[in-house]
């Protein structure tokens, strides 16, 4: 505050040097590019694994249906009678 009661304006912050500003933006672009490449790699891995997982699901479903078919043909006459010794 000055003697006449007015407030002094704060000094404007000094701008960083041009080299520092360029370095900041270069680091920001590099981090964004790295994040994008990691995300693309993760998506690629997921898309590679997807057909394998679907194939395993189909094989598991077929094995289950085969077991159900075998169980039906085995007990077509009804459950076994354990009272007959």
Protein backbone atom coordinates (compact mmCIF):
# COMPACT_ATOMS: atom_id res chain seq x y z
CA UNK A 1 0.00 0.00 0.00
CA UNK A 2 1.29 3.44 -0.90
CA UNK A 3 1.28 6.53 1.31
CA UNK A 4 -1.75 8.00 -0.50
CA UNK A 5 -3.86 4.87 0.27
CA UNK A 6 -3.76 3.22 -3.13
CA UNK A 7 -2.59 -0.28 -3.59
CA UNK A 8 0.46 -1.07 -5.58
CA UNK A 9 -0.18 -3.55 -8.39
CA UNK A 10 1.80 -6.74 -8.04
CA UNK A 11 4.57 -7.19 -10.56
CA UNK A 12 3.70 -9.29 -13.55
CA UNK A 13 5.25 -12.74 -13.28
CA UNK A 14 8.19 -13.12 -15.58
CA UNK A 15 7.56 -15.45 -18.51
CA UNK A 16 9.85 -18.44 -18.59
CA UNK A 17 12.47 -18.48 -21.29
CA UNK A 18 11.51 -19.70 -24.74
CA UNK A 19 13.62 -22.84 -24.39
CA UNK A 20 11.77 -23.80 -21.18
CA UNK A 21 8.38 -23.31 -22.81
CA UNK A 22 9.39 -25.42 -25.82
CA UNK A 23 10.75 -28.13 -23.50
CA UNK A 24 7.48 -28.16 -21.50
CA UNK A 25 5.36 -28.66 -24.62
CA UNK A 26 7.77 -31.29 -25.97
CA UNK A 27 7.49 -33.28 -22.74
CA UNK A 28 3.71 -32.93 -22.78
CA UNK A 29 3.49 -34.21 -26.37
CA UNK A 30 5.88 -37.09 -25.57
CA UNK A 31 3.80 -38.18 -22.56
CA UNK A 32 0.59 -38.03 -24.61
CA UNK A 33 2.19 -40.06 -27.42
CA UNK A 34 3.45 -42.67 -24.95
CA UNK A 35 0.01 -42.99 -23.36
CA UNK A 36 -1.61 -43.34 -26.77
CA UNK A 37 0.88 -45.99 -27.87
CA UNK A 38 0.38 -47.99 -24.64
CA UNK A 39 -3.40 -47.84 -25.10
CA UNK A 40 -3.07 -48.97 -28.72
CA UNK A 41 -0.82 -51.86 -27.67
CA UNK A 42 -3.31 -52.94 -24.98
CA UNK A 43 -6.14 -52.86 -27.51
CA UNK A 44 -4.06 -54.89 -29.95
CA UNK A 45 -3.37 -57.54 -27.28
CA UNK A 46 -7.08 -57.68 -26.39
CA UNK A 47 -8.06 -58.12 -30.02
CA UNK A 48 -5.47 -60.88 -30.45
CA UNK A 49 -6.75 -62.75 -27.36
CA UNK A 50 -10.45 -62.36 -28.23
CA UNK A 51 -10.64 -65.14 -30.88
CA UNK A 52 -8.77 -67.51 -28.56
CA UNK A 53 -11.22 -66.81 -25.73
CA UNK A 54 -14.21 -67.26 -28.03
CA UNK A 55 -12.80 -70.52 -29.35
CA UNK A 56 -12.26 -71.79 -25.81
CA UNK A 57 -15.85 -70.83 -24.92
CA UNK A 58 -17.20 -72.74 -27.94
CA UNK A 59 -15.13 -75.82 -27.05
CA UNK A 60 -16.30 -75.66 -23.43
CA UNK A 61 -19.94 -75.36 -24.54
CA UNK A 62 -19.56 -78.34 -26.91
CA UNK A 63 -17.95 -80.42 -24.17
CA UNK A 64 -20.81 -79.55 -21.82
CA UNK A 65 -23.42 -80.48 -24.42
CA UNK A 66 -21.59 -83.77 -25.07
CA UNK A 67 -21.64 -84.60 -21.37
CA UNK A 68 -25.36 -83.79 -21.17
CA UNK A 69 -25.99 -85.99 -24.23
CA UNK A 70 -24.05 -88.88 -22.67
CA UNK A 71 -25.90 -88.48 -19.38
CA UNK A 72 -29.29 -88.53 -21.12
CA UNK A 73 -28.49 -91.66 -23.09
CA UNK A 74 -27.11 -93.40 -19.99
CA UNK A 75 -30.18 -92.71 -17.82
CA UNK A 76 -32.88 -92.93 -20.46
CA UNK A 77 -34.62 -95.71 -18.55
CA UNK A 78 -34.48 -93.70 -15.33
CA UNK A 79 -32.05 -93.41 -12.47
CA UNK A 80 -30.38 -96.59 -11.24
CA UNK A 81 -32.18 -98.54 -8.49
CA UNK A 82 -29.84 -98.91 -5.53
CA UNK A 83 -32.32 -100.97 -3.46
CA UNK A 84 -31.70 -104.08 -5.54
CA UNK A 85 -28.48 -105.08 -3.87
